[in-house]
Amino acid sequence: MDTKIDTGLGEQPIAKIMVEHGLKPNDLVSNSSEQITHKMVSRSVKGRRLNLSIQYKVLRALNKASGKNYLLKDIFNY
């Protein structure tokens, strides 16, 4: 039985949102009050499957950096 989970889900909507606001991964990392890394942000953009707690950390950092109030469904399509 093959239980392999597809981890490469393609570019996520967060990539477009970051471009619209002129944000770089460093902007999210520096605006976060939580422990997130550049690698987490990079994986978010590329569509690597992240656990829910990391998704929420990235979401909160994006909301703080952009001044908007996005939801998880707005930035991830999985």
N, C-alpha and C. Protein backbone atom coordinates (compact mmCIF):
# COMPACT_ATOMS: atom_id res chain seq x y z
N MET A 1 0.84 -1.17 0.00
CA MET A 1 0.00 0.00 0.00
C MET A 1 0.88 1.24 0.00
N ASP A 2 0.64 2.16 -0.91
CA ASP A 2 1.41 3.38 -1.04
C ASP A 2 0.69 4.50 -0.31
N THR A 3 1.29 5.01 0.77
CA THR A 3 0.68 6.08 1.56
C THR A 3 1.45 7.39 1.41
N LYS A 4 2.17 7.53 0.33
CA LYS A 4 2.95 8.73 0.10
C LYS A 4 2.03 9.94 -0.05
N ILE A 5 2.36 11.02 0.65
CA ILE A 5 1.59 12.25 0.58
C ILE A 5 2.31 13.21 -0.36
N ASP A 6 1.55 13.81 -1.28
CA ASP A 6 2.12 14.78 -2.21
C ASP A 6 2.46 16.06 -1.46
N THR A 7 3.75 16.40 -1.42
CA THR A 7 4.18 17.58 -0.67
C THR A 7 4.38 18.80 -1.56
N GLY A 8 4.53 18.62 -2.85
CA GLY A 8 4.72 19.74 -3.76
C GLY A 8 3.40 20.12 -4.40
N LEU A 9 2.79 21.17 -3.89
CA LEU A 9 1.44 21.53 -4.33
C LEU A 9 1.41 22.76 -5.23
N GLY A 10 2.55 23.18 -5.71
CA GLY A 10 2.61 24.33 -6.61
C GLY A 10 2.54 25.64 -5.86
N GLU A 11 2.84 26.71 -6.58
CA GLU A 11 2.85 28.03 -5.96
C GLU A 11 1.51 28.35 -5.33
N GLN A 12 1.55 28.88 -4.14
CA GLN A 12 0.35 29.17 -3.36
C GLN A 12 -0.06 30.63 -3.52
N PRO A 13 -1.32 30.94 -3.20
CA PRO A 13 -1.80 32.33 -3.30
C PRO A 13 -0.99 33.32 -2.46
N ILE A 14 -0.33 32.85 -1.41
CA ILE A 14 0.48 33.75 -0.60
C ILE A 14 1.57 34.43 -1.43
N ALA A 15 2.06 33.76 -2.46
CA ALA A 15 3.11 34.33 -3.31
C ALA A 15 2.60 35.59 -4.00
N LYS A 16 1.42 35.52 -4.55
CA LYS A 16 0.83 36.68 -5.24
C LYS A 16 0.54 37.81 -4.25
N ILE A 17 0.05 37.45 -3.09
CA ILE A 17 -0.26 38.46 -2.06
C ILE A 17 1.01 39.18 -1.63
N MET A 18 2.08 38.43 -1.45
CA MET A 18 3.35 39.05 -1.05
C MET A 18 3.86 39.99 -2.13
N VAL A 19 3.73 39.61 -3.40
CA VAL A 19 4.15 40.48 -4.50
C VAL A 19 3.30 41.75 -4.53
N GLU A 20 1.98 41.60 -4.35
CA GLU A 20 1.08 42.76 -4.35
C GLU A 20 1.46 43.79 -3.29
N HIS A 21 1.91 43.31 -2.15
CA HIS A 21 2.28 44.21 -1.05
C HIS A 21 3.77 44.54 -1.03
N GLY A 22 4.51 44.01 -1.99
CA GLY A 22 5.95 44.26 -2.05
C GLY A 22 6.71 43.66 -0.89
N LEU A 23 6.26 42.51 -0.42
CA LEU A 23 6.87 41.86 0.74
C LEU A 23 7.84 40.76 0.32
N LYS A 24 8.91 40.66 1.06
CA LYS A 24 9.90 39.60 0.89
C LYS A 24 9.78 38.68 2.10
N PRO A 25 10.32 37.45 2.00
CA PRO A 25 10.28 36.56 3.16
C PRO A 25 10.84 37.20 4.43
N ASN A 26 11.88 38.00 4.30
CA ASN A 26 12.47 38.65 5.46
C ASN A 26 11.47 39.59 6.15
N ASP A 27 10.57 40.20 5.39
CA ASP A 27 9.57 41.09 5.98
C ASP A 27 8.64 40.30 6.91
N LEU A 28 8.26 39.11 6.50
CA LEU A 28 7.39 38.29 7.34
C LEU A 28 8.14 37.81 8.58
N VAL A 29 9.38 37.39 8.41
CA VAL A 29 10.16 36.90 9.54
C VAL A 29 10.38 38.04 10.55
N SER A 30 10.73 39.21 10.08
CA SER A 30 11.02 40.32 10.99
C SER A 30 9.75 40.88 11.65
N ASN A 31 8.60 40.75 11.00
CA ASN A 31 7.34 41.24 11.58
C ASN A 31 6.67 40.24 12.50
N SER A 32 7.17 39.03 12.52
CA SER A 32 6.55 38.00 13.34
C SER A 32 7.03 38.09 14.78
N SER A 33 6.07 37.97 15.69
CA SER A 33 6.43 37.92 17.11
C SER A 33 6.64 36.47 17.54
N GLU A 34 6.44 35.54 16.59
CA GLU A 34 6.60 34.12 16.86
C GLU A 34 7.87 33.61 16.19
N GLN A 35 8.18 32.38 16.45
CA GLN A 35 9.38 31.76 15.90
C GLN A 35 9.10 31.24 14.49
N ILE A 36 9.34 32.06 13.47
CA ILE A 36 9.26 31.55 12.09
C ILE A 36 10.59 31.83 11.41
N THR A 37 10.86 31.04 10.38
CA THR A 37 12.12 31.16 9.67
C THR A 37 11.88 31.49 8.21
N HIS A 38 12.95 31.91 7.55
CA HIS A 38 12.87 32.16 6.12
C HIS A 38 12.48 30.89 5.37
N LYS A 39 12.95 29.77 5.86
CA LYS A 39 12.66 28.48 5.22
C LYS A 39 11.16 28.18 5.29
N MET A 40 10.52 28.49 6.40
CA MET A 40 9.07 28.28 6.52
C MET A 40 8.31 29.12 5.51
N VAL A 41 8.71 30.38 5.39
CA VAL A 41 8.05 31.28 4.44
C VAL A 41 8.28 30.80 3.01
N SER A 42 9.50 30.41 2.72
CA SER A 42 9.84 29.91 1.38
C SER A 42 9.01 28.68 1.03
N ARG A 43 8.89 27.76 1.98
CA ARG A 43 8.09 26.56 1.74
C ARG A 43 6.61 26.91 1.56
N SER A 44 6.15 27.92 2.28
CA SER A 44 4.75 28.35 2.13
C SER A 44 4.47 28.80 0.71
N VAL A 45 5.37 29.61 0.19
CA VAL A 45 5.20 30.16 -1.15
C VAL A 45 5.28 29.07 -2.22
N LYS A 46 6.19 28.13 -2.06
CA LYS A 46 6.42 27.09 -3.07
C LYS A 46 5.37 25.98 -3.05
N GLY A 47 4.55 25.94 -2.00
CA GLY A 47 3.51 24.92 -1.96
C GLY A 47 3.91 23.65 -1.26
N ARG A 48 4.93 23.72 -0.43
CA ARG A 48 5.27 22.56 0.39
C ARG A 48 4.22 22.44 1.48
N ARG A 49 3.77 21.24 1.74
CA ARG A 49 2.73 21.04 2.76
C ARG A 49 3.30 21.35 4.14
N LEU A 50 2.63 22.26 4.86
CA LEU A 50 3.05 22.66 6.20
C LEU A 50 2.00 22.23 7.21
N ASN A 51 2.43 21.99 8.44
CA ASN A 51 1.44 21.65 9.45
C ASN A 51 0.64 22.90 9.82
N LEU A 52 -0.48 22.70 10.46
CA LEU A 52 -1.43 23.78 10.72
C LEU A 52 -0.84 24.88 11.60
N SER A 53 -0.04 24.52 12.57
CA SER A 53 0.52 25.56 13.45
C SER A 53 1.47 26.48 12.69
N ILE A 54 2.25 25.94 11.78
CA ILE A 54 3.14 26.77 10.97
C ILE A 54 2.34 27.62 10.00
N GLN A 55 1.28 27.06 9.43
CA GLN A 55 0.43 27.85 8.55
C GLN A 55 -0.12 29.08 9.28
N TYR A 56 -0.56 28.89 10.51
CA TYR A 56 -1.09 30.02 11.29
C TYR A 56 -0.01 31.03 11.65
N LYS A 57 1.20 30.57 11.93
CA LYS A 57 2.30 31.49 12.20
C LYS A 57 2.59 32.37 10.99
N VAL A 58 2.63 31.74 9.81
CA VAL A 58 2.88 32.48 8.57
C VAL A 58 1.73 33.45 8.31
N LEU A 59 0.50 33.00 8.54
CA LEU A 59 -0.67 33.86 8.34
C LEU A 59 -0.60 35.09 9.24
N ARG A 60 -0.31 34.91 10.52
CA ARG A 60 -0.24 36.05 11.44
C ARG A 60 0.88 37.01 11.04
N ALA A 61 2.01 36.49 10.60
CA ALA A 61 3.12 37.34 10.16
C ALA A 61 2.72 38.12 8.90
N LEU A 62 2.03 37.46 7.97
CA LEU A 62 1.58 38.14 6.75
C LEU A 62 0.58 39.24 7.08
N ASN A 63 -0.36 38.96 7.96
CA ASN A 63 -1.35 39.96 8.34
C ASN A 63 -0.69 41.17 8.99
N LYS A 64 0.27 40.94 9.84
CA LYS A 64 0.97 42.04 10.50
C LYS A 64 1.79 42.85 9.51
N ALA A 65 2.49 42.17 8.61
CA ALA A 65 3.35 42.86 7.64
C ALA A 65 2.56 43.62 6.59
N SER A 66 1.39 43.08 6.20
CA SER A 66 0.61 43.71 5.13
C SER A 66 -0.43 44.70 5.66
N GLY A 67 -0.78 44.58 6.93
CA GLY A 67 -1.82 45.45 7.49
C GLY A 67 -3.22 45.00 7.09
N LYS A 68 -3.33 43.83 6.53
CA LYS A 68 -4.62 43.27 6.10
C LYS A 68 -5.03 42.16 7.06
N ASN A 69 -6.21 41.58 6.82
CA ASN A 69 -6.69 40.49 7.66
C ASN A 69 -7.07 39.31 6.77
N TYR A 70 -6.07 38.57 6.32
CA TYR A 70 -6.29 37.40 5.47
C TYR A 70 -6.68 36.20 6.33
N LEU A 71 -7.30 35.23 5.69
CA LEU A 71 -7.64 33.95 6.31
C LEU A 71 -6.76 32.87 5.70
N LEU A 72 -6.68 31.72 6.34
CA LEU A 72 -5.87 30.62 5.79
C LEU A 72 -6.29 30.26 4.37
N LYS A 73 -7.60 30.24 4.12
CA LYS A 73 -8.08 29.88 2.79
C LYS A 73 -7.67 30.90 1.73
N ASP A 74 -7.30 32.12 2.15
CA ASP A 74 -6.85 33.14 1.21
C ASP A 74 -5.41 32.94 0.78
N ILE A 75 -4.61 32.29 1.62
CA ILE A 75 -3.20 32.19 1.31
C ILE A 75 -2.72 30.79 0.95
N PHE A 76 -3.51 29.78 1.31
CA PHE A 76 -3.17 28.39 0.96
C PHE A 76 -4.34 27.75 0.24
N ASN A 77 -4.08 26.94 -0.78
CA ASN A 77 -5.16 26.28 -1.50
C ASN A 77 -5.17 24.77 -1.29
N TYR A 78 -4.67 24.33 -0.17
CA TYR A 78 -4.71 22.91 0.18
C TYR A 78 -5.33 22.72 1.53
